[in-house]
Protein backbone atom coordinates (compact mmCIF):
# COMPACT_ATOMS: atom_id res chain seq x y z
CA UNK A 1 10.27 -72.06 286.91
CA UNK A 2 13.41 -74.05 287.56
CA UNK A 3 16.83 -72.50 287.07
CA UNK A 4 19.65 -74.22 285.20
CA UNK A 5 22.64 -75.28 287.21
CA UNK A 6 25.92 -73.53 286.35
CA UNK A 7 27.34 -76.78 284.92
CA UNK A 8 24.36 -77.24 282.59
CA UNK A 9 24.50 -73.59 281.53
CA UNK A 10 28.23 -73.80 280.73
CA UNK A 11 27.64 -77.02 278.79
CA UNK A 12 24.91 -75.38 276.72
CA UNK A 13 27.11 -72.37 276.02
CA UNK A 14 30.01 -74.52 274.88
CA UNK A 15 27.75 -76.65 272.71
CA UNK A 16 26.44 -73.48 271.12
CA UNK A 17 29.98 -72.39 270.32
CA UNK A 18 30.58 -75.52 268.28
CA UNK A 19 27.64 -75.04 265.89
CA UNK A 20 28.69 -74.27 262.35
CA UNK A 21 31.83 -76.39 262.37
CA UNK A 22 32.21 -78.08 259.04
CA UNK A 23 32.96 -81.76 258.98
CA UNK A 24 36.51 -82.71 258.09
CA UNK A 25 35.63 -84.45 254.85
CA UNK A 26 33.77 -81.49 253.35
CA UNK A 27 36.52 -78.86 253.50
CA UNK A 28 38.12 -77.65 250.27
CA UNK A 29 41.81 -76.77 249.86
CA UNK A 30 41.98 -73.12 250.97
CA UNK A 31 45.74 -72.59 250.68
CA UNK A 32 45.16 -70.30 247.68
CA UNK A 33 42.60 -68.14 249.48
CA UNK A 34 43.30 -65.03 251.47
CA UNK A 35 42.09 -64.78 255.04
CA UNK A 36 38.78 -63.07 255.79
CA UNK A 37 38.40 -60.05 258.05
CA UNK A 38 38.30 -61.90 261.38
CA UNK A 39 41.64 -62.06 263.23
CA UNK A 40 41.71 -65.88 263.32
CA UNK A 41 43.79 -66.70 260.27
CA UNK A 42 47.34 -66.38 258.94
CA UNK A 43 48.74 -67.20 255.50
CA UNK A 44 51.93 -66.93 253.48
CA UNK A 45 49.84 -65.48 250.62
CA UNK A 46 48.55 -62.55 252.67
CA UNK A 47 49.80 -59.01 252.17
CA UNK A 48 47.94 -57.57 255.18
CA UNK A 49 50.36 -57.38 258.10
CA UNK A 50 48.02 -58.86 260.73
CA UNK A 51 47.44 -61.95 258.58
CA UNK A 52 50.79 -62.31 256.80
CA UNK A 53 53.30 -65.08 257.41
CA UNK A 54 56.82 -64.80 256.05
CA UNK A 55 57.45 -67.20 253.14
CA UNK A 56 58.52 -70.78 253.84
CA UNK A 57 61.33 -71.25 251.28
CA UNK A 58 62.59 -74.83 251.11
CA UNK A 59 66.15 -75.75 250.30
CA UNK A 60 66.96 -78.80 248.13
CA UNK A 61 66.79 -81.12 251.11
CA UNK A 62 63.37 -79.76 252.08
CA UNK A 63 62.06 -80.13 248.55
CA UNK A 64 63.15 -83.77 248.55
CA UNK A 65 61.52 -84.60 251.90
CA UNK A 66 57.81 -83.81 251.50
CA UNK A 67 56.81 -86.89 253.53
CA UNK A 68 58.99 -85.80 256.46
CA UNK A 69 57.56 -82.26 256.27
CA UNK A 70 54.08 -83.75 256.56
CA UNK A 71 55.21 -85.76 259.59
CA UNK A 72 56.52 -82.55 261.20
CA UNK A 73 53.15 -80.87 260.62
CA UNK A 74 51.37 -83.82 262.20
CA UNK A 75 53.63 -83.52 265.26
CA UNK A 76 52.16 -80.10 266.14
CA UNK A 77 50.17 -79.96 269.41
CA UNK A 78 46.67 -81.42 269.05
CA UNK A 79 47.29 -82.41 265.43
CA UNK A 80 45.54 -85.13 263.46
CA UNK A 81 45.30 -85.86 259.75
CA UNK A 82 42.41 -84.10 258.08
CA UNK A 83 43.14 -84.60 254.40
CA UNK A 84 46.13 -85.57 252.30
CA UNK A 85 46.78 -85.32 248.56
CA UNK A 86 49.92 -85.42 246.43
CA UNK A 87 51.19 -81.91 247.24
CA UNK A 88 48.61 -80.88 249.85
CA UNK A 89 48.08 -81.58 253.54
CA UNK A 90 45.37 -80.40 255.93
CA UNK A 91 46.03 -80.98 259.61
CA UNK A 92 43.26 -80.51 262.16
CA UNK A 93 44.61 -79.03 265.39
CA UNK A 94 42.31 -79.28 268.42
CA UNK A 95 42.68 -77.03 271.45
CA UNK A 96 43.19 -78.86 274.73
CA UNK A 97 40.38 -77.45 276.81
CA UNK A 98 37.48 -76.51 274.55
CA UNK A 99 38.44 -78.85 271.65
CA UNK A 100 38.04 -76.13 269.01
CA UNK A 101 39.43 -77.12 265.61
CA UNK A 102 41.86 -75.06 263.54
CA UNK A 103 42.84 -76.09 260.03
CA UNK A 104 46.57 -75.98 259.33
CA UNK A 105 47.09 -76.36 255.58
CA UNK A 106 50.24 -76.86 253.51
CA UNK A 107 50.72 -76.91 249.76
CA UNK A 108 54.08 -77.74 248.18
CA UNK A 109 54.71 -75.45 245.21
CA UNK A 110 58.23 -75.86 243.84
CA UNK A 111 60.65 -74.60 246.50
CA UNK A 112 57.88 -72.87 248.45
CA UNK A 113 55.48 -74.13 251.08
CA UNK A 114 52.18 -72.27 251.05
CA UNK A 115 51.03 -72.27 254.68
CA UNK A 116 47.59 -71.26 255.94
CA UNK A 117 46.18 -71.71 259.45
CA UNK A 118 42.64 -70.69 260.38
CA UNK A 119 40.19 -71.27 263.20
CA UNK A 120 36.90 -72.83 262.10
CA UNK A 121 34.79 -70.96 264.64
CA UNK A 122 35.05 -67.80 266.68
CA UNK A 123 36.17 -64.29 265.98
CA UNK A 124 39.70 -64.11 267.37
CA UNK A 125 42.21 -66.92 267.83
CA UNK A 126 44.33 -64.90 270.32
CA UNK A 127 47.41 -65.52 268.16
CA UNK A 128 47.23 -69.32 268.27
CA UNK A 129 47.44 -69.80 264.49
CA UNK A 130 50.51 -67.58 264.19
CA UNK A 131 52.16 -69.42 267.10
CA UNK A 132 51.43 -72.74 265.37
CA UNK A 133 52.95 -71.51 262.10
CA UNK A 134 56.01 -70.21 263.98
CA UNK A 135 56.43 -73.56 265.74
CA UNK A 136 56.18 -75.36 262.41
CA UNK A 137 58.82 -73.01 260.94
CA UNK A 138 61.12 -73.81 263.89
CA UNK A 139 60.63 -77.56 263.28
CA UNK A 140 61.47 -77.15 259.60
CA UNK A 141 64.52 -75.07 260.46
CA UNK A 142 65.72 -77.64 263.01
CA UNK A 143 65.33 -80.39 260.39
CA UNK A 144 67.45 -78.36 257.96
CA UNK A 145 64.67 -77.94 255.37
CA UNK A 146 64.54 -74.13 255.02
CA UNK A 147 66.78 -71.80 253.05
């Protein structure tokens, strides 16, 4: 029996990790949903501390600049457009090394931005989604869009 080389074995393991990823076009808007039980999601709608993001309250300037807010979201590391509707944006953020996809979603609701970021695969995100949301908050703050 032949043994697999380490490179082939690692490749098979990484390919196995990507199974179950949903294609970009088939994802629904999940901004109104709470996170599951796995520690790979954060949301402004969550009440559980480990999953909760502080609210994103927009000032008048922020409310008037939805297009610029979308541009800021698309400037996040590894970001590409996943889906866009009138008051909704889903950004796909890919990790540099393993190319895992996280969905960063925004919904404009009056003077509030509903923000949700979740990994598509895996159990833990090691805090990456919270860091992404914090970076986005800093970009909004620097642009003068938050109360």
